[in-house]
PDB file of all heavy atoms in Angstrom:
ATOM      1  N   ARG A   1      35.278 -19.932  84.807  1.00  0.00           N
ATOM      2  CA  ARG A   1      34.424 -19.077  85.624  1.00  0.00           C
ATOM      3  C   ARG A   1      33.124 -18.790  84.870  1.00  0.00           C
ATOM      4  O   ARG A   1      33.135 -18.446  83.696  1.00  0.00           O
ATOM      5  CB  ARG A   1      35.130 -17.769  85.939  1.00  0.00           C
ATOM      6  CG  ARG A   1      34.280 -16.840  86.824  1.00  0.00           C
ATOM      7  CD  ARG A   1      34.826 -15.430  86.874  1.00  0.00           C
ATOM      8  NE  ARG A   1      36.142 -15.365  87.475  1.00  0.00           N
ATOM      9  CZ  ARG A   1      36.782 -14.220  87.675  1.00  0.00           C
ATOM     10  NH1 ARG A   1      36.257 -13.074  87.286  1.00  0.00           N
ATOM     11  NH2 ARG A   1      37.978 -14.224  88.232  1.00  0.00           N
ATOM     12  N   PHE A   2      32.007 -18.951  85.565  1.00  0.00           N
ATOM     13  CA  PHE A   2      30.713 -18.705  84.919  1.00  0.00           C
ATOM     14  C   PHE A   2      30.503 -17.198  84.743  1.00  0.00           C
ATOM     15  O   PHE A   2      30.643 -16.430  85.698  1.00  0.00           O
ATOM     16  CB  PHE A   2      29.564 -19.278  85.757  1.00  0.00           C
ATOM     17  CG  PHE A   2      28.235 -19.152  85.067  1.00  0.00           C
ATOM     18  CD1 PHE A   2      27.794 -20.136  84.207  1.00  0.00           C
ATOM     19  CD2 PHE A   2      27.431 -18.032  85.263  1.00  0.00           C
ATOM     20  CE1 PHE A   2      26.576 -20.022  83.557  1.00  0.00           C
ATOM     21  CE2 PHE A   2      26.226 -17.900  84.615  1.00  0.00           C
ATOM     22  CZ  PHE A   2      25.802 -18.903  83.759  1.00  0.00           C
ATOM     23  N   ARG A   3      30.201 -16.802  83.528  1.00  0.00           N
ATOM     24  CA  ARG A   3      29.968 -15.397  83.213  1.00  0.00           C
ATOM     25  C   ARG A   3      28.640 -15.262  82.492  1.00  0.00           C
ATOM     26  O   ARG A   3      28.364 -15.990  81.548  1.00  0.00           O
ATOM     27  CB  ARG A   3      31.088 -14.838  82.337  1.00  0.00           C
ATOM     28  CG  ARG A   3      32.471 -14.841  82.975  1.00  0.00           C
ATOM     29  CD  ARG A   3      33.514 -14.317  81.996  1.00  0.00           C
ATOM     30  NE  ARG A   3      34.860 -14.326  82.543  1.00  0.00           N
ATOM     31  CZ  ARG A   3      35.405 -13.331  83.229  1.00  0.00           C
ATOM     32  NH1 ARG A   3      34.701 -12.240  83.464  1.00  0.00           N
ATOM     33  NH2 ARG A   3      36.629 -13.410  83.684  1.00  0.00           N
ATOM     34  N   GLU A   4      27.849 -14.322  82.927  1.00  0.00           N
ATOM     35  CA  GLU A   4      26.614 -14.031  82.217  1.00  0.00           C
ATOM     36  C   GLU A   4      26.940 -13.315  80.905  1.00  0.00           C
ATOM     37  O   GLU A   4      27.922 -12.580  80.819  1.00  0.00           O
ATOM     38  CB  GLU A   4      25.695 -13.138  83.067  1.00  0.00           C
ATOM     39  CG  GLU A   4      25.180 -13.795  84.331  1.00  0.00           C
ATOM     40  CD  GLU A   4      24.142 -14.871  84.056  1.00  0.00           C
ATOM     41  OE1 GLU A   4      23.719 -15.007  82.896  1.00  0.00           O
ATOM     42  OE2 GLU A   4      23.762 -15.573  85.007  1.00  0.00           O
ATOM     43  N   VAL A   5      26.133 -13.555  79.906  1.00  0.00           N
ATOM     44  CA  VAL A   5      26.278 -12.859  78.627  1.00  0.00           C
ATOM     45  C   VAL A   5      25.287 -11.695  78.621  1.00  0.00           C
ATOM     46  O   VAL A   5      24.076 -11.898  78.562  1.00  0.00           O
ATOM     47  CB  VAL A   5      25.984 -13.807  77.449  1.00  0.00           C
ATOM     48  CG1 VAL A   5      26.029 -13.051  76.122  1.00  0.00           C
ATOM     49  CG2 VAL A   5      26.977 -14.962  77.441  1.00  0.00           C
ATOM     50  N   PRO A   6      25.763 -10.459  78.733  1.00  0.00           N
ATOM     51  CA  PRO A   6      24.834  -9.322  78.822  1.00  0.00           C
ATOM     52  C   PRO A   6      24.102  -9.047  77.513  1.00  0.00           C
ATOM     53  O   PRO A   6      22.968  -8.581  77.535  1.00  0.00           O
ATOM     54  CB  PRO A   6      25.742  -8.147  79.209  1.00  0.00           C
ATOM     55  CG  PRO A   6      27.093  -8.540  78.730  1.00  0.00           C
ATOM     56  CD  PRO A   6      27.167 -10.024  78.849  1.00  0.00           C
ATOM     57  N   LEU A   7      24.741  -9.328  76.377  1.00  0.00           N
ATOM     58  CA  LEU A   7      24.101  -9.108  75.080  1.00  0.00           C
ATOM     59  C   LEU A   7      23.411 -10.409  74.677  1.00  0.00           C
ATOM     60  O   LEU A   7      23.818 -11.123  73.757  1.00  0.00           O
ATOM     61  CB  LEU A   7      25.148  -8.685  74.046  1.00  0.00           C
ATOM     62  CG  LEU A   7      26.044  -7.512  74.467  1.00  0.00           C
ATOM     63  CD1 LEU A   7      27.039  -7.165  73.368  1.00  0.00           C
ATOM     64  CD2 LEU A   7      25.212  -6.288  74.829  1.00  0.00           C
ATOM     65  N   VAL A   8      22.307 -10.709  75.391  1.00  0.00           N
ATOM     66  CA  VAL A   8      21.730 -12.052  75.325  1.00  0.00           C
ATOM     67  C   VAL A   8      21.285 -12.442  73.925  1.00  0.00           C
ATOM     68  O   VAL A   8      21.427 -13.599  73.517  1.00  0.00           O
ATOM     69  CB  VAL A   8      20.552 -12.194  76.316  1.00  0.00           C
ATOM     70  CG1 VAL A   8      21.044 -12.177  77.744  1.00  0.00           C
ATOM     71  CG2 VAL A   8      19.505 -11.109  76.085  1.00  0.00           C
ATOM     72  N   ALA A   9      20.739 -11.507  73.153  1.00  0.00           N
ATOM     73  CA  ALA A   9      20.257 -11.846  71.813  1.00  0.00           C
ATOM     74  C   ALA A   9      21.389 -12.226  70.885  1.00  0.00           C
ATOM     75  O   ALA A   9      21.165 -12.823  69.824  1.00  0.00           O
ATOM     76  CB  ALA A   9      19.476 -10.675  71.223  1.00  0.00           C
ATOM     77  N   ALA A  10      22.617 -11.902  71.276  1.00  0.00           N
ATOM     78  CA  ALA A  10      23.788 -12.225  70.451  1.00  0.00           C
ATOM     79  C   ALA A  10      24.473 -13.504  70.889  1.00  0.00           C
ATOM     80  O   ALA A  10      25.264 -14.064  70.120  1.00  0.00           O
ATOM     81  CB  ALA A  10      24.794 -11.077  70.494  1.00  0.00           C
ATOM     82  N   GLY A  11      24.202 -14.016  72.109  1.00  0.00           N
ATOM     83  CA  GLY A  11      24.949 -15.194  72.541  1.00  0.00           C
ATOM     84  C   GLY A  11      24.489 -15.843  73.820  1.00  0.00           C
ATOM     85  O   GLY A  11      25.271 -16.551  74.454  1.00  0.00           O
ATOM     86  N   GLY A  12      23.228 -15.660  74.228  1.00  0.00           N
ATOM     87  CA  GLY A  12      22.821 -16.112  75.545  1.00  0.00           C
ATOM     88  C   GLY A  12      22.068 -17.422  75.646  1.00  0.00           C
ATOM     89  O   GLY A  12      21.729 -17.852  76.747  1.00  0.00           O
ATOM     90  N   VAL A  13      21.808 -18.123  74.538  1.00  0.00           N
ATOM     91  CA  VAL A  13      20.933 -19.297  74.581  1.00  0.00           C
ATOM     92  C   VAL A  13      21.638 -20.516  75.181  1.00  0.00           C
ATOM     93  O   VAL A  13      22.822 -20.744  74.966  1.00  0.00           O
ATOM     94  CB  VAL A  13      20.404 -19.623  73.167  1.00  0.00           C
ATOM     95  CG1 VAL A  13      19.816 -21.027  73.101  1.00  0.00           C
ATOM     96  CG2 VAL A  13      19.345 -18.601  72.751  1.00  0.00           C
ATOM     97  N   TYR A  14      20.859 -21.296  75.944  1.00  0.00           N
ATOM     98  CA  TYR A  14      21.241 -22.610  76.448  1.00  0.00           C
ATOM     99  C   TYR A  14      20.422 -23.636  75.663  1.00  0.00           C
ATOM    100  O   TYR A  14      19.221 -23.448  75.472  1.00  0.00           O
ATOM    101  CB  TYR A  14      20.903 -22.756  77.928  1.00  0.00           C
ATOM    102  CG  TYR A  14      21.558 -21.760  78.851  1.00  0.00           C
ATOM    103  CD1 TYR A  14      21.077 -20.459  78.964  1.00  0.00           C
ATOM    104  CD2 TYR A  14      22.646 -22.130  79.637  1.00  0.00           C
ATOM    105  CE1 TYR A  14      21.663 -19.542  79.823  1.00  0.00           C
ATOM    106  CE2 TYR A  14      23.242 -21.222  80.507  1.00  0.00           C
ATOM    107  CZ  TYR A  14      22.740 -19.932  80.592  1.00  0.00           C
ATOM    108  OH  TYR A  14      23.319 -19.027  81.450  1.00  0.00           O
ATOM    109  N   SER A  15      21.058 -24.741  75.244  1.00  0.00           N
ATOM    110  CA  SER A  15      20.292 -25.724  74.482  1.00  0.00           C
ATOM    111  C   SER A  15      20.951 -27.092  74.556  1.00  0.00           C
ATOM    112  O   SER A  15      22.022 -27.266  75.149  1.00  0.00           O
ATOM    113  CB  SER A  15      20.146 -25.272  73.020  1.00  0.00           C
ATOM    114  OG  SER A  15      19.183 -26.062  72.341  1.00  0.00           O
ATOM    115  N   THR A  16      20.306 -28.066  73.920  1.00  0.00           N
ATOM    116  CA  THR A  16      20.770 -29.447  73.903  1.00  0.00           C
ATOM    117  C   THR A  16      20.916 -29.911  72.453  1.00  0.00           C
ATOM    118  O   THR A  16      20.375 -29.304  71.531  1.00  0.00           O
ATOM    119  CB  THR A  16      19.772 -30.374  74.605  1.00  0.00           C
ATOM    120  OG1 THR A  16      18.566 -30.447  73.805  1.00  0.00           O
ATOM    121  CG2 THR A  16      19.404 -29.861  76.000  1.00  0.00           C
ATOM    122  N   THR A  17      21.602 -31.018  72.283  1.00  0.00           N
ATOM    123  CA  THR A  17      21.729 -31.588  70.936  1.00  0.00           C
ATOM    124  C   THR A  17      20.363 -31.983  70.394  1.00  0.00           C
ATOM    125  O   THR A  17      20.057 -31.748  69.221  1.00  0.00           O
ATOM    126  CB  THR A  17      22.650 -32.817  70.949  1.00  0.00           C
ATOM    127  OG1 THR A  17      23.800 -32.534  71.735  1.00  0.00           O
ATOM    128  CG2 THR A  17      23.068 -33.213  69.551  1.00  0.00           C
ATOM    129  N   SER A  18      19.529 -32.587  71.235  1.00  0.00           N
ATOM    130  CA  SER A  18      18.199 -33.008  70.791  1.00  0.00           C
ATOM    131  C   SER A  18      17.371 -31.818  70.332  1.00  0.00           C
ATOM    132  O   SER A  18      16.702 -31.866  69.288  1.00  0.00           O
ATOM    133  CB  SER A  18      17.475 -33.753  71.918  1.00  0.00           C
ATOM    134  OG  SER A  18      18.176 -34.927  72.278  1.00  0.00           O
ATOM    135  N   ASP A  19      17.400 -30.735  71.102  1.00  0.00           N
ATOM    136  CA  ASP A  19      16.620 -29.545  70.730  1.00  0.00           C
ATOM    137  C   ASP A  19      17.171 -28.887  69.469  1.00  0.00           C
ATOM    138  O   ASP A  19      16.412 -28.478  68.584  1.00  0.00           O
ATOM    139  CB  ASP A  19      16.618 -28.537  71.879  1.00  0.00           C
ATOM    140  CG  ASP A  19      15.609 -28.884  72.957  1.00  0.00           C
ATOM    141  OD1 ASP A  19      14.970 -29.952  72.842  1.00  0.00           O
ATOM    142  OD2 ASP A  19      15.462 -28.096  73.909  1.00  0.00           O
ATOM    143  N   LEU A  20      18.492 -28.777  69.382  1.00  0.00           N
ATOM    144  CA  LEU A  20      19.076 -28.147  68.195  1.00  0.00           C
ATOM    145  C   LEU A  20      18.847 -28.995  66.954  1.00  0.00           C
ATOM    146  O   LEU A  20      18.802 -28.464  65.832  1.00  0.00           O
ATOM    147  CB  LEU A  20      20.570 -27.900  68.408  1.00  0.00           C
ATOM    148  CG  LEU A  20      20.898 -26.742  69.361  1.00  0.00           C
ATOM    149  CD1 LEU A  20      22.405 -26.655  69.592  1.00  0.00           C
ATOM    150  CD2 LEU A  20      20.380 -25.413  68.818  1.00  0.00           C
ATOM    151  N   ALA A  21      18.683 -30.292  67.133  1.00  0.00           N
ATOM    152  CA  ALA A  21      18.338 -31.137  65.991  1.00  0.00           C
ATOM    153  C   ALA A  21      16.965 -30.744  65.438  1.00  0.00           C
ATOM    154  O   ALA A  21      16.762 -30.729  64.219  1.00  0.00           O
ATOM    155  CB  ALA A  21      18.343 -32.611  66.402  1.00  0.00           C
ATOM    156  N   HIS A  22      16.008 -30.410  66.313  1.00  0.00           N
ATOM    157  CA  HIS A  22      14.706 -29.912  65.858  1.00  0.00           C
ATOM    158  C   HIS A  22      14.872 -28.615  65.084  1.00  0.00           C
ATOM    159  O   HIS A  22      14.236 -28.407  64.035  1.00  0.00           O
ATOM    160  CB  HIS A  22      13.775 -29.670  67.052  1.00  0.00           C
ATOM    161  CG  HIS A  22      13.362 -30.903  67.786  1.00  0.00           C
ATOM    162  ND1 HIS A  22      12.930 -32.041  67.155  1.00  0.00           N
ATOM    163  CD2 HIS A  22      13.301 -31.174  69.118  1.00  0.00           C
ATOM    164  CE1 HIS A  22      12.627 -32.969  68.057  1.00  0.00           C
ATOM    165  NE2 HIS A  22      12.849 -32.463  69.258  1.00  0.00           N
ATOM    166  N   TYR A  23      15.722 -27.744  65.596  1.00  0.00           N
ATOM    167  CA  TYR A  23      15.951 -26.444  64.960  1.00  0.00           C
ATOM    168  C   TYR A  23      16.593 -26.621  63.591  1.00  0.00           C
ATOM    169  O   TYR A  23      16.137 -26.050  62.583  1.00  0.00           O
ATOM    170  CB  TYR A  23      16.844 -25.606  65.876  1.00  0.00           C
ATOM    171  CG  TYR A  23      17.194 -24.225  65.361  1.00  0.00           C
ATOM    172  CD1 TYR A  23      16.206 -23.283  65.081  1.00  0.00           C
ATOM    173  CD2 TYR A  23      18.519 -23.856  65.181  1.00  0.00           C
ATOM    174  CE1 TYR A  23      16.531 -22.008  64.628  1.00  0.00           C
ATOM    175  CE2 TYR A  23      18.860 -22.582  64.738  1.00  0.00           C
ATOM    176  CZ  TYR A  23      17.857 -21.672  64.458  1.00  0.00           C
ATOM    177  OH  TYR A  23      18.187 -20.406  64.013  1.00  0.00           O
ATOM    178  N   VAL A  24      17.642 -27.434  63.519  1.00  0.00           N
ATOM    179  CA  VAL A  24      18.323 -27.668  62.251  1.00  0.00           C
ATOM    180  C   VAL A  24      17.391 -28.367  61.259  1.00  0.00           C
ATOM    181  O   VAL A  24      17.396 -28.051  60.061  1.00  0.00           O
ATOM    182  CB  VAL A  24      19.605 -28.495  62.487  1.00  0.00           C
ATOM    183  CG1 VAL A  24      20.197 -28.982  61.169  1.00  0.00           C
ATOM    184  CG2 VAL A  24      20.634 -27.661  63.248  1.00  0.00           C
ATOM    185  N   ALA A  25      16.571 -29.287  61.749  1.00  0.00           N
ATOM    186  CA  ALA A  25      15.614 -29.961  60.867  1.00  0.00           C
ATOM    187  C   ALA A  25      14.655 -28.957  60.238  1.00  0.00           C
ATOM    188  O   ALA A  25      14.325 -29.049  59.044  1.00  0.00           O
ATOM    189  CB  ALA A  25      14.840 -31.021  61.646  1.00  0.00           C
ATOM    190  N   ALA A  26      14.216 -27.976  61.019  1.00  0.00           N
ATOM    191  CA  ALA A  26      13.323 -26.941  60.484  1.00  0.00           C
ATOM    192  C   ALA A  26      14.041 -26.087  59.445  1.00  0.00           C
ATOM    193  O   ALA A  26      13.462 -25.731  58.413  1.00  0.00           O
ATOM    194  CB  ALA A  26      12.791 -26.073  61.620  1.00  0.00           C
ATOM    195  N   LEU A  27      15.305 -25.769  59.694  1.00  0.00           N
ATOM    196  CA  LEU A  27      16.069 -24.975  58.739  1.00  0.00           C
ATOM    197  C   LEU A  27      16.272 -25.726  57.428  1.00  0.00           C
ATOM    198  O   LEU A  27      16.308 -25.134  56.352  1.00  0.00           O
ATOM    199  CB  LEU A  27      17.431 -24.604  59.334  1.00  0.00           C
ATOM    200  CG  LEU A  27      17.423 -23.721  60.581  1.00  0.00           C
ATOM    201  CD1 LEU A  27      18.854 -23.492  61.078  1.00  0.00           C
ATOM    202  CD2 LEU A  27      16.741 -22.386  60.331  1.00  0.00           C
ATOM    203  N   LEU A  28      16.390 -27.052  57.514  1.00  0.00           N
ATOM    204  CA  LEU A  28      16.586 -27.863  56.311  1.00  0.00           C
ATOM    205  C   LEU A  28      15.279 -28.159  55.590  1.00  0.00           C
ATOM    206  O   LEU A  28      15.293 -28.602  54.439  1.00  0.00           O
ATOM    207  CB  LEU A  28      17.262 -29.188  56.679  1.00  0.00           C
ATOM    208  CG  LEU A  28      18.727 -29.112  57.124  1.00  0.00           C
ATOM    209  CD1 LEU A  28      19.195 -30.461  57.663  1.00  0.00           C
ATOM    210  CD2 LEU A  28      19.621 -28.675  55.972  1.00  0.00           C
ATOM    211  N   SER A  29      14.165 -27.938  56.263  1.00  0.00           N
ATOM    212  CA  SER A  29      12.850 -28.312  55.714  1.00  0.00           C
ATOM    213  C   SER A  29      11.999 -27.099  55.367  1.00  0.00           C
ATOM    214  O   SER A  29      10.764 -27.156  55.455  1.00  0.00           O
ATOM    215  CB  SER A  29      12.113 -29.215  56.711  1.00  0.00           C
ATOM    216  OG  SER A  29      12.891 -30.347  57.042  1.00  0.00           O
ATOM    217  N   GLY A  30      12.641 -25.995  55.039  1.00  0.00           N
ATOM    218  CA  GLY A  30      11.873 -24.823  54.624  1.00  0.00           C
ATOM    219  C   GLY A  30      11.162 -24.113  55.755  1.00  0.00           C
ATOM    220  O   GLY A  30      10.155 -23.432  55.530  1.00  0.00           O
ATOM    221  N   GLY A  31      11.658 -24.263  56.983  1.00  0.00           N
ATOM    222  CA  GLY A  31      11.092 -23.527  58.112  1.00  0.00           C
ATOM    223  C   GLY A  31      10.084 -24.283  58.937  1.00  0.00           C
ATOM    224  O   GLY A  31       9.523 -23.734  59.889  1.00  0.00           O
ATOM    225  N   SER A  32       9.832 -25.538  58.621  1.00  0.00           N
ATOM    226  CA  SER A  32       8.865 -26.308  59.390  1.00  0.00           C
ATOM    227  C   SER A  32       9.504 -27.583  59.918  1.00  0.00           C
ATOM    228  O   SER A  32      10.490 -28.079  59.362  1.00  0.00           O
ATOM    229  CB  SER A  32       7.646 -26.665  58.538  1.00  0.00           C
ATOM    230  OG  SER A  32       8.020 -27.537  57.479  1.00  0.00           O
ATOM    231  N   ALA A  33       8.926 -28.108  60.984  1.00  0.00           N
ATOM    232  CA  ALA A  33       9.364 -29.368  61.560  1.00  0.00           C
ATOM    233  C   ALA A  33       8.127 -30.090  62.079  1.00  0.00           C
ATOM    234  O   ALA A  33       7.000 -29.622  61.907  1.00  0.00           O
ATOM    235  CB  ALA A  33      10.380 -29.135  62.670  1.00  0.00           C
ATOM    236  N   ALA A  34       8.365 -31.225  62.730  1.00  0.00           N
ATOM    237  CA  ALA A  34       7.231 -32.041  63.184  1.00  0.00           C
ATOM    238  C   ALA A  34       6.323 -31.286  64.132  1.00  0.00           C
ATOM    239  O   ALA A  34       5.110 -31.539  64.179  1.00  0.00           O
ATOM    240  CB  ALA A  34       7.763 -33.306  63.859  1.00  0.00           C
ATOM    241  N   HIS A  35       6.857 -30.328  64.881  1.00  0.00           N
ATOM    242  CA  HIS A  35       6.070 -29.625  65.901  1.00  0.00           C
ATOM    243  C   HIS A  35       5.490 -28.300  65.414  1.00  0.00           C
ATOM    244  O   HIS A  35       4.721 -27.670  66.139  1.00  0.00           O
ATOM    245  CB  HIS A  35       6.927 -29.381  67.150  1.00  0.00           C
ATOM    246  CG  HIS A  35       7.336 -30.644  67.852  1.00  0.00           C
ATOM    247  ND1 HIS A  35       8.414 -31.398  67.435  1.00  0.00           N
ATOM    248  CD2 HIS A  35       6.821 -31.274  68.934  1.00  0.00           C
ATOM    249  CE1 HIS A  35       8.545 -32.445  68.244  1.00  0.00           C
ATOM    250  NE2 HIS A  35       7.604 -32.392  69.152  1.00  0.00           N
ATOM    251  N   GLY A  36       5.890 -27.840  64.239  1.00  0.00           N
ATOM    252  CA  GLY A  36       5.327 -26.563  63.780  1.00  0.00           C
ATOM    253  C   GLY A  36       6.232 -25.862  62.797  1.00  0.00           C
ATOM    254  O   GLY A  36       7.299 -26.361  62.426  1.00  0.00           O
TER     255      GLY A  36
END
């Protein structure tokens, strides 16, 4: 059953593997990635 997460800052994000790869790359590279 689809349930909204009311405490959105704690668990509400939707994402993809491709996007999270950008995020993880930034975390591994001192906070920066190809886009900023």
